[in-house]
N, C-alpha and C. Protein backbone atom coordinates (compact mmCIF):
# COMPACT_ATOMS: atom_id res chain seq x y z
N MET A 1 88.43 138.43 131.52
CA MET A 1 87.71 137.60 130.58
C MET A 1 86.22 137.74 130.87
N LYS A 2 85.42 137.76 129.83
CA LYS A 2 83.97 137.88 129.94
C LYS A 2 83.31 136.67 129.30
N THR A 3 82.11 136.37 129.76
CA THR A 3 81.32 135.28 129.19
C THR A 3 80.12 135.89 128.50
N LEU A 4 79.83 135.42 127.32
CA LEU A 4 78.70 135.88 126.54
C LEU A 4 77.72 134.73 126.39
N GLN A 5 76.48 134.96 126.75
CA GLN A 5 75.46 133.91 126.63
C GLN A 5 74.43 134.36 125.60
N LEU A 6 74.18 133.51 124.62
CA LEU A 6 73.23 133.81 123.56
C LEU A 6 72.12 132.77 123.55
N GLU A 7 70.92 133.20 123.27
CA GLU A 7 69.82 132.27 123.04
C GLU A 7 69.50 132.32 121.56
N ILE A 8 69.63 131.17 120.90
CA ILE A 8 69.53 131.11 119.45
C ILE A 8 68.50 130.06 119.06
N GLU A 9 67.71 130.38 118.07
CA GLU A 9 66.75 129.41 117.56
C GLU A 9 67.51 128.22 116.99
N ASP A 10 66.94 127.03 117.15
CA ASP A 10 67.60 125.81 116.68
C ASP A 10 67.96 125.90 115.20
N SER A 11 67.11 126.49 114.43
CA SER A 11 67.34 126.55 112.98
C SER A 11 68.50 127.48 112.61
N LYS A 12 68.90 128.36 113.53
CA LYS A 12 69.98 129.32 113.25
C LYS A 12 71.29 128.94 113.92
N LEU A 13 71.31 127.86 114.68
CA LEU A 13 72.51 127.49 115.43
C LEU A 13 73.71 127.23 114.52
N ASP A 14 73.51 126.55 113.41
CA ASP A 14 74.61 126.26 112.49
C ASP A 14 75.26 127.53 111.97
N ILE A 15 74.46 128.54 111.72
CA ILE A 15 74.98 129.82 111.21
C ILE A 15 75.88 130.46 112.26
N VAL A 16 75.43 130.50 113.50
CA VAL A 16 76.20 131.12 114.57
C VAL A 16 77.49 130.33 114.83
N LEU A 17 77.41 129.01 114.84
CA LEU A 17 78.61 128.20 115.05
C LEU A 17 79.61 128.40 113.92
N ASN A 18 79.13 128.55 112.71
CA ASN A 18 80.00 128.80 111.57
C ASN A 18 80.72 130.14 111.73
N ILE A 19 80.01 131.15 112.21
CA ILE A 19 80.62 132.46 112.44
C ILE A 19 81.69 132.37 113.53
N ILE A 20 81.38 131.69 114.62
CA ILE A 20 82.34 131.54 115.71
C ILE A 20 83.59 130.81 115.23
N ASN A 21 83.41 129.75 114.45
CA ASN A 21 84.55 128.97 113.96
C ASN A 21 85.39 129.75 112.97
N SER A 22 84.81 130.73 112.29
CA SER A 22 85.57 131.49 111.30
C SER A 22 86.29 132.70 111.90
N LEU A 23 86.07 132.96 113.18
CA LEU A 23 86.79 134.06 113.84
C LEU A 23 88.27 133.74 113.93
N LYS A 24 89.08 134.77 113.95
CA LYS A 24 90.51 134.57 114.06
C LYS A 24 90.87 133.93 115.39
N ASP A 25 91.99 133.21 115.41
CA ASP A 25 92.45 132.56 116.63
C ASP A 25 92.65 133.58 117.74
N GLY A 26 92.33 133.18 118.95
CA GLY A 26 92.57 134.03 120.09
C GLY A 26 91.40 134.91 120.47
N ILE A 27 90.38 135.00 119.64
CA ILE A 27 89.23 135.85 119.97
C ILE A 27 88.28 135.10 120.90
N VAL A 28 87.92 133.89 120.51
CA VAL A 28 87.04 133.07 121.34
C VAL A 28 87.89 131.97 121.96
N LYS A 29 87.99 131.99 123.27
CA LYS A 29 88.82 131.01 123.95
C LYS A 29 88.14 129.64 124.00
N LYS A 30 86.84 129.63 124.25
CA LYS A 30 86.11 128.37 124.39
C LYS A 30 84.63 128.67 124.18
N TYR A 31 83.92 127.71 123.62
CA TYR A 31 82.47 127.84 123.56
C TYR A 31 81.84 126.47 123.70
N GLU A 32 80.60 126.45 124.14
CA GLU A 32 79.88 125.20 124.26
C GLU A 32 78.41 125.46 123.93
N VAL A 33 77.77 124.43 123.44
CA VAL A 33 76.36 124.51 123.08
C VAL A 33 75.57 123.79 124.17
N LYS A 34 74.63 124.52 124.76
CA LYS A 34 73.77 123.93 125.78
C LYS A 34 72.36 123.87 125.22
N SER A 35 71.68 122.82 125.57
CA SER A 35 70.33 122.62 125.08
C SER A 35 69.37 122.52 126.26
N ASP A 36 68.09 122.64 125.94
CA ASP A 36 67.07 122.56 126.97
C ASP A 36 66.75 121.13 127.39
N THR A 37 67.04 120.18 126.53
CA THR A 37 66.68 118.80 126.85
C THR A 37 67.93 117.96 127.11
N ARG A 38 67.79 116.99 127.99
CA ARG A 38 68.92 116.13 128.33
C ARG A 38 69.37 115.31 127.12
N GLU A 39 68.42 114.84 126.34
CA GLU A 39 68.75 114.03 125.16
C GLU A 39 69.61 114.82 124.18
N GLU A 40 69.25 116.07 123.95
CA GLU A 40 70.04 116.91 123.05
C GLU A 40 71.43 117.17 123.63
N ASN A 41 71.49 117.42 124.93
CA ASN A 41 72.80 117.64 125.56
C ASN A 41 73.71 116.43 125.40
N ASP A 42 73.15 115.24 125.59
CA ASP A 42 73.93 114.01 125.42
C ASP A 42 74.41 113.87 123.98
N PHE A 43 73.54 114.14 123.02
CA PHE A 43 73.91 114.04 121.61
C PHE A 43 75.02 115.04 121.27
N ILE A 44 74.89 116.24 121.76
CA ILE A 44 75.89 117.27 121.48
C ILE A 44 77.25 116.87 122.04
N SER A 45 77.28 116.40 123.28
CA SER A 45 78.57 116.04 123.87
C SER A 45 79.21 114.84 123.16
N ILE A 46 78.40 113.91 122.69
CA ILE A 46 78.93 112.77 121.95
C ILE A 46 79.44 113.20 120.58
N SER A 47 78.75 114.13 119.94
CA SER A 47 79.05 114.53 118.57
C SER A 47 80.14 115.59 118.47
N GLU A 48 80.43 116.28 119.55
CA GLU A 48 81.31 117.44 119.49
C GLU A 48 82.68 117.12 118.89
N THR A 49 83.31 116.06 119.32
CA THR A 49 84.64 115.70 118.80
C THR A 49 84.59 115.39 117.32
N SER A 50 83.59 114.63 116.91
CA SER A 50 83.46 114.30 115.48
C SER A 50 83.22 115.54 114.65
N LEU A 51 82.38 116.44 115.14
CA LEU A 51 82.09 117.67 114.40
C LEU A 51 83.32 118.57 114.30
N GLU A 52 84.14 118.61 115.34
CA GLU A 52 85.37 119.40 115.28
C GLU A 52 86.27 118.92 114.16
N LYS A 53 86.36 117.61 113.97
CA LYS A 53 87.18 117.05 112.90
C LYS A 53 86.63 117.44 111.53
N ILE A 54 85.32 117.50 111.42
CA ILE A 54 84.70 117.88 110.15
C ILE A 54 84.90 119.37 109.88
N TRP A 55 84.71 120.21 110.91
CA TRP A 55 84.80 121.66 110.73
C TRP A 55 86.23 122.13 110.56
N ASP A 56 87.17 121.51 111.22
CA ASP A 56 88.54 122.00 111.24
C ASP A 56 89.44 121.03 110.49
N ASN A 57 89.40 121.11 109.17
CA ASN A 57 90.25 120.23 108.38
C ASN A 57 90.83 120.99 107.19
N GLU A 58 91.84 120.43 106.58
CA GLU A 58 92.53 121.08 105.47
C GLU A 58 91.63 121.26 104.25
N GLU A 59 90.72 120.35 104.05
CA GLU A 59 89.82 120.43 102.89
C GLU A 59 89.04 121.74 102.89
N ASP A 60 88.61 122.17 104.06
CA ASP A 60 87.82 123.40 104.16
C ASP A 60 88.66 124.66 104.08
N SER A 61 89.96 124.55 104.26
CA SER A 61 90.80 125.74 104.25
C SER A 61 90.75 126.48 102.92
N VAL A 62 90.43 125.78 101.84
CA VAL A 62 90.28 126.41 100.53
C VAL A 62 89.14 127.41 100.56
N TYR A 63 88.09 127.10 101.32
CA TYR A 63 86.91 127.95 101.37
C TYR A 63 86.97 129.01 102.46
N ASP A 64 87.92 128.90 103.36
CA ASP A 64 88.01 129.84 104.48
C ASP A 64 88.14 131.28 104.00
N LYS A 65 88.82 131.52 102.90
CA LYS A 65 89.00 132.90 102.43
C LYS A 65 87.66 133.54 102.07
N TYR A 66 86.67 132.75 101.73
CA TYR A 66 85.36 133.30 101.40
C TYR A 66 84.55 133.65 102.64
N LEU A 67 84.96 133.14 103.79
CA LEU A 67 84.27 133.44 105.04
C LEU A 67 84.80 134.71 105.69
N SER A 68 85.92 135.21 105.23
CA SER A 68 86.51 136.42 105.80
C SER A 68 85.63 137.62 105.52
N ILE A 69 85.59 138.50 106.51
CA ILE A 69 84.78 139.72 106.35
C ILE A 69 85.66 140.82 105.82
């Protein structure tokens, strides 16, 4: 197993997370977002569970076919 570390501009983070979430199962085992500031890290850890529910739901499955490459 290998670890990949990326440095991404804040304004582009949503795009990269969307790409990671649209990858087929089994490609990415785990990922986490780290920030430079403690406040942002706290916000991310608090929000992560809620965001997973928003990103991974049946409503979005209709649009998943448009994310396929």
